[in-house]
N, C-alpha and C. Protein backbone atom coordinates (compact mmCIF):
# COMPACT_ATOMS: atom_id res chain seq x y z
N MET A 1 21.55 -47.88 11.64
CA MET A 1 21.85 -46.74 10.80
C MET A 1 23.08 -47.20 10.15
N PRO A 2 23.16 -46.80 8.69
CA PRO A 2 24.01 -46.97 7.90
C PRO A 2 25.40 -46.35 8.25
N LYS A 3 26.66 -47.03 7.99
CA LYS A 3 27.86 -46.30 8.61
C LYS A 3 28.16 -45.24 7.61
N ASN A 4 27.89 -45.38 6.50
CA ASN A 4 28.20 -44.16 5.49
C ASN A 4 27.48 -42.70 5.72
N LYS A 5 26.47 -42.77 6.43
CA LYS A 5 25.57 -41.65 6.86
C LYS A 5 26.39 -40.74 7.96
N LYS A 6 26.44 -39.39 8.06
CA LYS A 6 27.04 -38.84 9.05
C LYS A 6 25.98 -38.56 10.00
N GLN A 7 26.25 -38.54 11.25
CA GLN A 7 25.62 -38.22 12.46
C GLN A 7 25.75 -36.93 12.87
N THR A 8 24.63 -36.14 12.90
CA THR A 8 24.59 -34.76 13.19
C THR A 8 24.12 -34.56 14.77
N VAL A 9 24.62 -33.72 15.24
CA VAL A 9 24.24 -33.28 16.84
C VAL A 9 23.58 -32.07 16.85
N THR A 10 22.34 -32.01 17.30
CA THR A 10 21.33 -30.78 17.27
C THR A 10 21.58 -30.22 18.53
N LEU A 11 21.11 -29.06 18.85
CA LEU A 11 21.33 -28.41 20.08
C LEU A 11 20.39 -29.19 21.16
N SER A 12 19.37 -29.78 20.72
CA SER A 12 18.61 -30.33 21.88
C SER A 12 19.05 -31.79 22.38
N GLU A 13 20.19 -32.24 21.69
CA GLU A 13 20.57 -33.60 21.87
C GLU A 13 21.76 -33.41 23.00
N LYS A 14 22.42 -32.32 22.83
CA LYS A 14 23.62 -32.22 23.53
C LYS A 14 23.50 -30.64 24.47
N ALA A 15 23.78 -31.13 25.63
CA ALA A 15 23.60 -29.85 26.58
C ALA A 15 24.96 -28.97 26.56
N TYR A 16 24.84 -27.80 25.94
CA TYR A 16 25.81 -26.79 25.51
C TYR A 16 26.19 -26.14 26.80
N THR A 17 27.21 -25.63 27.27
CA THR A 17 27.69 -24.90 28.59
C THR A 17 27.65 -23.61 27.89
N ALA A 18 27.75 -22.46 28.86
CA ALA A 18 27.97 -21.26 28.47
C ALA A 18 29.63 -21.03 28.04
N ALA A 19 30.39 -21.78 28.69
CA ALA A 19 31.77 -21.89 27.93
C ALA A 19 31.65 -22.28 26.60
N ASP A 20 31.06 -23.27 26.13
CA ASP A 20 31.11 -23.77 24.74
C ASP A 20 30.52 -22.74 23.66
N VAL A 21 29.59 -22.13 24.14
CA VAL A 21 29.15 -20.93 23.50
C VAL A 21 29.95 -19.71 23.40
N GLN A 22 30.90 -19.45 24.41
CA GLN A 22 31.48 -18.12 24.40
C GLN A 22 32.91 -18.91 23.50
N ALA A 23 33.15 -19.76 23.64
CA ALA A 23 34.41 -20.47 22.92
C ALA A 23 34.25 -20.25 21.52
N VAL A 24 33.05 -20.41 20.81
CA VAL A 24 32.88 -20.48 19.40
C VAL A 24 32.38 -18.80 18.92
N SER A 25 32.00 -18.20 20.00
CA SER A 25 31.04 -16.72 19.76
C SER A 25 32.18 -15.71 19.54
N ASP A 26 32.01 -15.04 18.43
CA ASP A 26 32.78 -13.76 18.14
C ASP A 26 31.98 -12.42 18.60
N THR A 27 31.16 -12.57 19.07
CA THR A 27 30.10 -11.48 19.59
C THR A 27 30.01 -11.75 21.09
N PRO A 28 30.83 -10.87 21.73
CA PRO A 28 30.44 -11.22 23.45
C PRO A 28 29.19 -10.79 23.79
N GLU A 29 28.73 -11.33 25.04
CA GLU A 29 27.42 -10.93 25.57
C GLU A 29 27.53 -9.48 25.82
N ILE A 30 26.49 -8.62 25.94
CA ILE A 30 26.57 -7.47 26.36
C ILE A 30 26.24 -7.18 27.88
N THR A 31 27.19 -6.34 28.63
CA THR A 31 27.08 -6.23 29.80
C THR A 31 25.93 -5.16 30.11
N ALA A 32 25.39 -5.09 31.39
CA ALA A 32 24.58 -4.30 31.94
C ALA A 32 24.75 -2.83 31.59
N GLU A 33 26.03 -2.54 31.85
CA GLU A 33 26.57 -1.05 31.64
C GLU A 33 26.51 -0.75 30.20
N GLN A 34 26.64 -1.58 29.30
CA GLN A 34 26.87 -1.38 27.87
C GLN A 34 25.33 -1.19 27.45
N PHE A 35 24.43 -2.16 28.00
CA PHE A 35 23.04 -1.94 27.56
C PHE A 35 22.39 -0.52 28.28
N ALA A 36 22.69 -0.08 29.24
CA ALA A 36 22.35 1.22 29.83
C ALA A 36 22.53 2.37 29.16
N GLN A 37 23.73 2.26 28.14
CA GLN A 37 24.42 3.37 27.40
C GLN A 37 23.92 3.10 26.01
N ALA A 38 23.05 2.10 25.58
CA ALA A 38 22.63 1.86 24.04
C ALA A 38 21.65 3.05 23.97
N LYS A 39 21.70 3.41 22.48
CA LYS A 39 20.73 4.37 22.12
C LYS A 39 19.74 3.79 21.00
N PRO A 40 18.98 4.49 20.69
CA PRO A 40 17.90 3.80 19.84
C PRO A 40 18.47 4.06 18.45
N PHE A 41 18.00 3.10 17.72
CA PHE A 41 18.72 2.90 16.13
C PHE A 41 18.26 4.38 15.38
N ASN A 42 17.13 4.93 15.52
CA ASN A 42 16.81 6.10 15.04
C ASN A 42 17.50 7.17 15.39
N ASP A 43 17.85 7.24 16.66
CA ASP A 43 18.82 8.40 17.09
C ASP A 43 20.04 8.58 16.58
N VAL A 44 20.73 7.21 16.25
CA VAL A 44 22.17 6.99 15.96
C VAL A 44 22.11 7.18 14.22
N PHE A 45 21.24 6.78 13.46
CA PHE A 45 21.34 6.62 12.31
C PHE A 45 19.86 7.11 11.54
N PRO A 46 19.57 8.52 11.79
CA PRO A 46 18.18 9.13 11.29
C PRO A 46 18.10 8.90 9.89
N VAL A 47 19.07 9.05 9.19
CA VAL A 47 18.91 9.04 7.67
C VAL A 47 18.71 7.84 7.31
N LEU A 48 19.19 6.74 7.66
CA LEU A 48 19.16 5.13 7.30
C LEU A 48 17.72 5.03 7.83
N ALA A 49 17.48 5.12 9.15
CA ALA A 49 16.18 4.73 9.63
C ALA A 49 15.10 5.45 8.67
N GLU A 50 15.17 6.74 8.34
CA GLU A 50 14.09 7.11 7.34
C GLU A 50 13.89 6.62 6.00
N LYS A 51 15.17 6.07 5.64
CA LYS A 51 15.09 5.41 4.17
C LYS A 51 14.28 3.68 4.51
N MET A 52 14.41 3.51 5.59
CA MET A 52 14.14 2.13 5.98
C MET A 52 12.57 1.98 6.25
N ARG A 53 12.05 3.10 6.81
CA ARG A 53 10.69 3.28 7.06
C ARG A 53 9.82 2.86 6.02
N ARG A 54 8.81 1.93 5.96
CA ARG A 54 8.23 1.56 4.93
C ARG A 54 6.72 2.29 4.93
N ALA A 55 6.59 3.13 3.98
CA ALA A 55 5.38 4.03 3.98
C ALA A 55 4.96 3.95 2.47
N ARG A 56 3.39 4.04 2.32
CA ARG A 56 3.13 4.27 0.91
C ARG A 56 3.34 5.83 0.63
N GLY A 57 4.00 6.12 -0.50
CA GLY A 57 4.20 7.38 -1.05
C GLY A 57 2.72 8.03 -1.28
N PRO A 58 2.87 9.48 -1.57
CA PRO A 58 1.54 10.11 -1.98
C PRO A 58 1.00 9.69 -3.22
N GLN A 59 -0.18 9.58 -3.17
CA GLN A 59 -0.98 9.22 -4.58
C GLN A 59 -0.82 10.21 -5.71
N LYS A 60 -0.72 9.76 -6.76
CA LYS A 60 -0.69 10.73 -7.95
C LYS A 60 -1.86 11.67 -8.22
N ALA A 61 -2.94 10.91 -7.90
CA ALA A 61 -4.30 11.41 -8.30
C ALA A 61 -5.11 10.79 -7.18
N PRO A 62 -5.38 11.39 -6.30
CA PRO A 62 -6.07 10.89 -4.96
C PRO A 62 -7.56 10.58 -5.45
N LYS A 63 -8.30 9.67 -5.12
CA LYS A 63 -9.52 9.39 -5.53
C LYS A 63 -10.70 9.19 -4.25
N LYS A 64 -9.78 9.01 -2.97
CA LYS A 64 -10.69 8.85 -1.92
C LYS A 64 -10.01 9.62 -0.95
N ILE A 65 -11.08 9.83 0.13
CA ILE A 65 -10.64 10.68 1.25
C ILE A 65 -10.76 9.75 2.57
N ALA A 66 -10.13 10.20 3.57
CA ALA A 66 -10.34 9.20 4.74
C ALA A 66 -11.25 10.04 5.45
N VAL A 67 -12.50 9.33 6.23
CA VAL A 67 -13.36 9.92 6.84
C VAL A 67 -13.66 9.12 8.08
N GLN A 68 -14.35 9.40 9.19
CA GLN A 68 -14.80 8.63 10.20
C GLN A 68 -16.20 8.72 10.22
N LEU A 69 -16.79 7.51 10.30
CA LEU A 69 -18.14 7.33 10.26
C LEU A 69 -18.72 6.32 11.17
N ARG A 70 -19.58 6.74 11.86
CA ARG A 70 -20.20 5.80 12.92
C ARG A 70 -21.68 5.19 12.35
N LEU A 71 -21.34 3.78 12.42
CA LEU A 71 -22.59 2.99 12.04
C LEU A 71 -22.83 1.93 13.13
N ASP A 72 -24.11 1.40 12.90
CA ASP A 72 -24.53 0.46 14.06
C ASP A 72 -23.63 -0.78 13.99
N ARG A 73 -23.49 -1.42 15.09
CA ARG A 73 -22.76 -2.55 15.28
C ARG A 73 -23.13 -3.87 14.34
N ASP A 74 -24.40 -3.95 14.37
CA ASP A 74 -25.01 -5.03 13.52
C ASP A 74 -24.68 -4.88 12.10
N VAL A 75 -24.87 -3.48 11.59
CA VAL A 75 -24.30 -3.40 10.21
C VAL A 75 -22.82 -3.78 9.97
N VAL A 76 -21.97 -3.28 10.66
CA VAL A 76 -20.85 -3.41 10.27
C VAL A 76 -20.55 -5.16 10.57
N GLU A 77 -21.10 -5.85 11.64
CA GLU A 77 -20.78 -7.16 11.91
C GLU A 77 -21.16 -7.76 10.55
N ARG A 78 -22.27 -7.58 9.80
CA ARG A 78 -22.87 -8.01 8.84
C ARG A 78 -22.00 -7.88 7.55
N PHE A 79 -21.30 -6.76 7.18
CA PHE A 79 -20.59 -6.56 6.34
C PHE A 79 -18.97 -7.34 6.47
N ARG A 80 -18.64 -7.27 7.64
CA ARG A 80 -17.49 -8.01 8.03
C ARG A 80 -17.33 -9.30 7.71
N ALA A 81 -18.74 -10.01 8.16
CA ALA A 81 -19.09 -11.42 7.75
C ALA A 81 -19.09 -11.74 6.38
N SER A 82 -19.12 -10.85 5.63
CA SER A 82 -19.05 -11.00 4.10
C SER A 82 -17.79 -11.32 3.64
N GLY A 83 -16.86 -11.24 4.42
CA GLY A 83 -15.40 -11.46 4.07
C GLY A 83 -14.56 -10.31 3.51
N LYS A 84 -13.47 -10.29 2.77
CA LYS A 84 -12.52 -9.46 2.23
C LYS A 84 -13.25 -8.48 1.38
N GLY A 85 -12.95 -7.23 1.70
CA GLY A 85 -13.35 -6.26 0.67
C GLY A 85 -14.82 -5.53 1.14
N TRP A 86 -14.94 -5.80 2.43
CA TRP A 86 -16.38 -5.40 3.02
C TRP A 86 -16.48 -3.70 2.89
N GLN A 87 -15.51 -3.18 3.29
CA GLN A 87 -15.32 -1.73 3.04
C GLN A 87 -15.71 -1.23 1.74
N SER A 88 -15.01 -1.79 0.85
CA SER A 88 -15.38 -1.63 -0.82
C SER A 88 -16.95 -1.67 -0.91
N ARG A 89 -17.57 -2.60 -0.51
CA ARG A 89 -18.75 -3.02 -0.69
C ARG A 89 -19.79 -1.95 0.07
N ILE A 90 -19.27 -1.34 0.94
CA ILE A 90 -20.14 -0.25 1.80
C ILE A 90 -20.04 0.68 0.80
N ASN A 91 -18.73 1.11 0.37
CA ASN A 91 -18.64 2.24 -0.48
C ASN A 91 -19.70 2.20 -1.76
N GLU A 92 -19.67 1.11 -2.58
CA GLU A 92 -20.58 0.82 -3.67
C GLU A 92 -21.96 1.05 -3.40
N ILE A 93 -22.29 0.45 -2.16
CA ILE A 93 -23.95 0.81 -1.74
C ILE A 93 -24.13 2.21 -1.35
N LEU A 94 -23.12 3.01 -0.92
CA LEU A 94 -23.24 4.45 -0.54
C LEU A 94 -23.29 5.01 -1.92
N LYS A 95 -22.56 4.49 -2.90
CA LYS A 95 -22.67 5.34 -4.17
C LYS A 95 -23.94 5.19 -5.07
N GLN A 96 -24.74 4.00 -4.72
CA GLN A 96 -25.85 3.69 -5.20
C GLN A 96 -26.97 4.70 -4.74
N ALA A 97 -26.55 4.92 -3.46
CA ALA A 97 -27.79 5.66 -2.80
C ALA A 97 -27.70 6.95 -3.05
């Protein structure tokens, strides 16, 4: 190895002890008592949690409705085997009927 290259030591090459980690950590390990007192994020920050929730907003002009439809297993398997968009293809076939 050339002398001008720096050698780096990865975690897998050196056995770090708990004392090594604690010496460089500014976040101490949580105790069992602290963990027992922990509260869910949604309970502590309900407004922020609501803002973070990713959901599709209401459609401006809904064109489709959600329904539950029972089909034969072989019919569903055949459409699924045809790849992405299989539900849209079923929709087109039902429109034609």
